[in-house]
Amino acid sequence: MLHFPNVTWSLSVLRRAVLVWLGIRAALFVKYGGEPLSLLAIVLIVALTVALVLYDLRRSGEKLFLANLGVPTSSLGALAAAPPLCFEFVLDVLVL
């Protein structure tokens, strides 16, 4: 069962996910322009975003702190995956 952290910690994870996703998309835009991405590229963007956010949480010691409060890593990963999934859906389905 997923147990999410309180609002303050959740917003911190969501903010990191948004910033990491923006950085990845900006780098891809500089490299490839505005070309639409394949489904595999979108999945890799989301996976890379989650991995980098979890790494940052581990690096700063917040992952261990939240684990001591009973928040599993899978909940943090799901929370970190929410913004890039929503944004990719908007970009690829609604905009293009």
C-alpha atoms as a PDB file:
ATOM      1  CA  MET A   1       0.000   0.000   0.000  1.00  0.00           C
ATOM      2  CA  LEU A   2       1.270   3.442  -0.880  1.00  0.00           C
ATOM      3  CA  HIS A   3       1.734   5.790   2.038  1.00  0.00           C
ATOM      4  CA  PHE A   4       2.460   9.319   0.902  1.00  0.00           C
ATOM      5  CA  PRO A   5       4.233  11.960   3.007  1.00  0.00           C
ATOM      6  CA  ASN A   6       2.450  15.043   4.275  1.00  0.00           C
ATOM      7  CA  VAL A   7       1.806  18.039   2.052  1.00  0.00           C
ATOM      8  CA  THR A   8       5.099  19.806   2.761  1.00  0.00           C
ATOM      9  CA  TRP A   9       7.261  16.817   1.798  1.00  0.00           C
ATOM     10  CA  SER A  10       4.988  15.912  -1.118  1.00  0.00           C
ATOM     11  CA  LEU A  11       5.290  19.400  -2.579  1.00  0.00           C
ATOM     12  CA  SER A  12       9.052  19.195  -2.199  1.00  0.00           C
ATOM     13  CA  VAL A  13       9.159  15.959  -4.215  1.00  0.00           C
ATOM     14  CA  LEU A  14       6.741  17.325  -6.819  1.00  0.00           C
ATOM     15  CA  ARG A  15       8.772  20.530  -7.178  1.00  0.00           C
ATOM     16  CA  ARG A  16      11.955  18.539  -7.752  1.00  0.00           C
ATOM     17  CA  ALA A  17      10.217  16.350 -10.326  1.00  0.00           C
ATOM     18  CA  VAL A  18       8.973  19.397 -12.234  1.00  0.00           C
ATOM     19  CA  LEU A  19      12.406  21.021 -12.246  1.00  0.00           C
ATOM     20  CA  VAL A  20      14.165  17.830 -13.348  1.00  0.00           C
ATOM     21  CA  TRP A  21      11.575  17.224 -16.076  1.00  0.00           C
ATOM     22  CA  LEU A  22      11.934  20.815 -17.313  1.00  0.00           C
ATOM     23  CA  GLY A  23      15.710  20.391 -17.459  1.00  0.00           C
ATOM     24  CA  ILE A  24      15.460  17.162 -19.436  1.00  0.00           C
ATOM     25  CA  ARG A  25      12.899  18.587 -21.864  1.00  0.00           C
ATOM     26  CA  ALA A  26      14.940  21.781 -22.319  1.00  0.00           C
ATOM     27  CA  ALA A  27      18.046  19.730 -23.120  1.00  0.00           C
ATOM     28  CA  LEU A  28      16.069  17.658 -25.632  1.00  0.00           C
ATOM     29  CA  PHE A  29      14.597  20.801 -27.173  1.00  0.00           C
ATOM     30  CA  VAL A  30      18.051  22.321 -27.611  1.00  0.00           C
ATOM     31  CA  LYS A  31      19.381  19.084 -29.105  1.00  0.00           C
ATOM     32  CA  TYR A  32      16.456  18.052 -31.348  1.00  0.00           C
ATOM     33  CA  GLY A  33      14.193  21.082 -31.649  1.00  0.00           C
ATOM     34  CA  GLY A  34      10.451  20.771 -31.405  1.00  0.00           C
ATOM     35  CA  GLU A  35      10.147  17.359 -33.021  1.00  0.00           C
ATOM     36  CA  PRO A  36       7.574  15.021 -31.451  1.00  0.00           C
ATOM     37  CA  LEU A  37       9.086  12.243 -29.358  1.00  0.00           C
ATOM     38  CA  SER A  38       8.386   8.535 -29.630  1.00  0.00           C
ATOM     39  CA  LEU A  39       6.648   6.575 -26.890  1.00  0.00           C
ATOM     40  CA  LEU A  40       9.948   4.989 -25.883  1.00  0.00           C
ATOM     41  CA  ALA A  41      11.544   8.426 -25.485  1.00  0.00           C
ATOM     42  CA  ILE A  42       8.651   9.566 -23.302  1.00  0.00           C
ATOM     43  CA  VAL A  43       8.952   6.485 -21.092  1.00  0.00           C
ATOM     44  CA  LEU A  44      12.700   7.087 -20.781  1.00  0.00           C
ATOM     45  CA  ILE A  45      12.121  10.737 -19.851  1.00  0.00           C
ATOM     46  CA  VAL A  46       9.718   9.734 -17.082  1.00  0.00           C
ATOM     47  CA  ALA A  47      12.054   6.984 -15.835  1.00  0.00           C
ATOM     48  CA  LEU A  48      15.054   9.328 -15.859  1.00  0.00           C
ATOM     49  CA  THR A  49      13.074  11.968 -13.974  1.00  0.00           C
ATOM     50  CA  VAL A  50      12.062   9.468 -11.286  1.00  0.00           C
ATOM     51  CA  ALA A  51      15.615   8.117 -10.992  1.00  0.00           C
ATOM     52  CA  LEU A  52      17.140  11.589 -10.644  1.00  0.00           C
ATOM     53  CA  VAL A  53      14.567  12.712  -8.081  1.00  0.00           C
ATOM     54  CA  LEU A  54      15.093   9.553  -6.011  1.00  0.00           C
ATOM     55  CA  TYR A  55      18.854  10.041  -6.257  1.00  0.00           C
ATOM     56  CA  ASP A  56      18.508  13.619  -5.054  1.00  0.00           C
ATOM     57  CA  LEU A  57      16.308  12.511  -2.156  1.00  0.00           C
ATOM     58  CA  ARG A  58      18.896   9.889  -1.231  1.00  0.00           C
ATOM     59  CA  ARG A  59      21.765  12.349  -1.567  1.00  0.00           C
ATOM     60  CA  SER A  60      20.139  14.887   0.727  1.00  0.00           C
ATOM     61  CA  GLY A  61      19.146  12.294   3.328  1.00  0.00           C
ATOM     62  CA  GLU A  62      15.426  12.926   2.924  1.00  0.00           C
ATOM     63  CA  LYS A  63      14.755   9.446   1.594  1.00  0.00           C
ATOM     64  CA  LEU A  64      16.063   7.864   4.796  1.00  0.00           C
ATOM     65  CA  PHE A  65      14.149  10.374   6.913  1.00  0.00           C
ATOM     66  CA  LEU A  66      10.893   9.639   5.081  1.00  0.00           C
ATOM     67  CA  ALA A  67      11.571   5.887   5.271  1.00  0.00           C
ATOM     68  CA  ASN A  68      11.856   6.228   9.035  1.00  0.00           C
ATOM     69  CA  LEU A  69       8.437   7.895   8.979  1.00  0.00           C
ATOM     70  CA  GLY A  70       7.001   4.911   7.103  1.00  0.00           C
ATOM     71  CA  VAL A  71       7.011   6.309   3.573  1.00  0.00           C
ATOM     72  CA  PRO A  72       8.297   3.631   1.160  1.00  0.00           C
ATOM     73  CA  THR A  73      10.459   4.364  -1.848  1.00  0.00           C
ATOM     74  CA  SER A  74       7.690   3.205  -4.175  1.00  0.00           C
ATOM     75  CA  SER A  75       5.469   6.025  -2.912  1.00  0.00           C
ATOM     76  CA  LEU A  76       8.208   8.562  -3.542  1.00  0.00           C
ATOM     77  CA  GLY A  77       8.742   7.128  -7.023  1.00  0.00           C
ATOM     78  CA  ALA A  78       5.040   7.326  -7.799  1.00  0.00           C
ATOM     79  CA  LEU A  79       4.939  10.881  -6.523  1.00  0.00           C
ATOM     80  CA  ALA A  80       7.967  11.812  -8.635  1.00  0.00           C
ATOM     81  CA  ALA A  81       6.422  10.199 -11.728  1.00  0.00           C
ATOM     82  CA  ALA A  82       3.170  12.177 -11.546  1.00  0.00           C
ATOM     83  CA  PRO A  83       4.341  15.540 -12.978  1.00  0.00           C
ATOM     84  CA  PRO A  84       6.279  14.191 -15.973  1.00  0.00           C
ATOM     85  CA  LEU A  85       3.434  11.830 -16.859  1.00  0.00           C
ATOM     86  CA  CYS A  86       0.896  14.655 -16.755  1.00  0.00           C
ATOM     87  CA  PHE A  87       3.096  17.068 -18.670  1.00  0.00           C
ATOM     88  CA  GLU A  88       4.004  14.522 -21.343  1.00  0.00           C
ATOM     89  CA  PHE A  89       0.327  13.705 -21.773  1.00  0.00           C
ATOM     90  CA  VAL A  90      -0.474  17.372 -22.255  1.00  0.00           C
ATOM     91  CA  LEU A  91       2.414  17.923 -24.672  1.00  0.00           C
ATOM     92  CA  ASP A  92       1.914  14.834 -26.787  1.00  0.00           C
ATOM     93  CA  VAL A  93      -1.843  14.337 -26.834  1.00  0.00           C
ATOM     94  CA  LEU A  94      -3.381  17.739 -26.361  1.00  0.00           C
ATOM     95  CA  VAL A  95      -0.810  20.056 -27.960  1.00  0.00           C
ATOM     96  CA  LEU A  96       0.622  18.042 -30.852  1.00  0.00           C
END
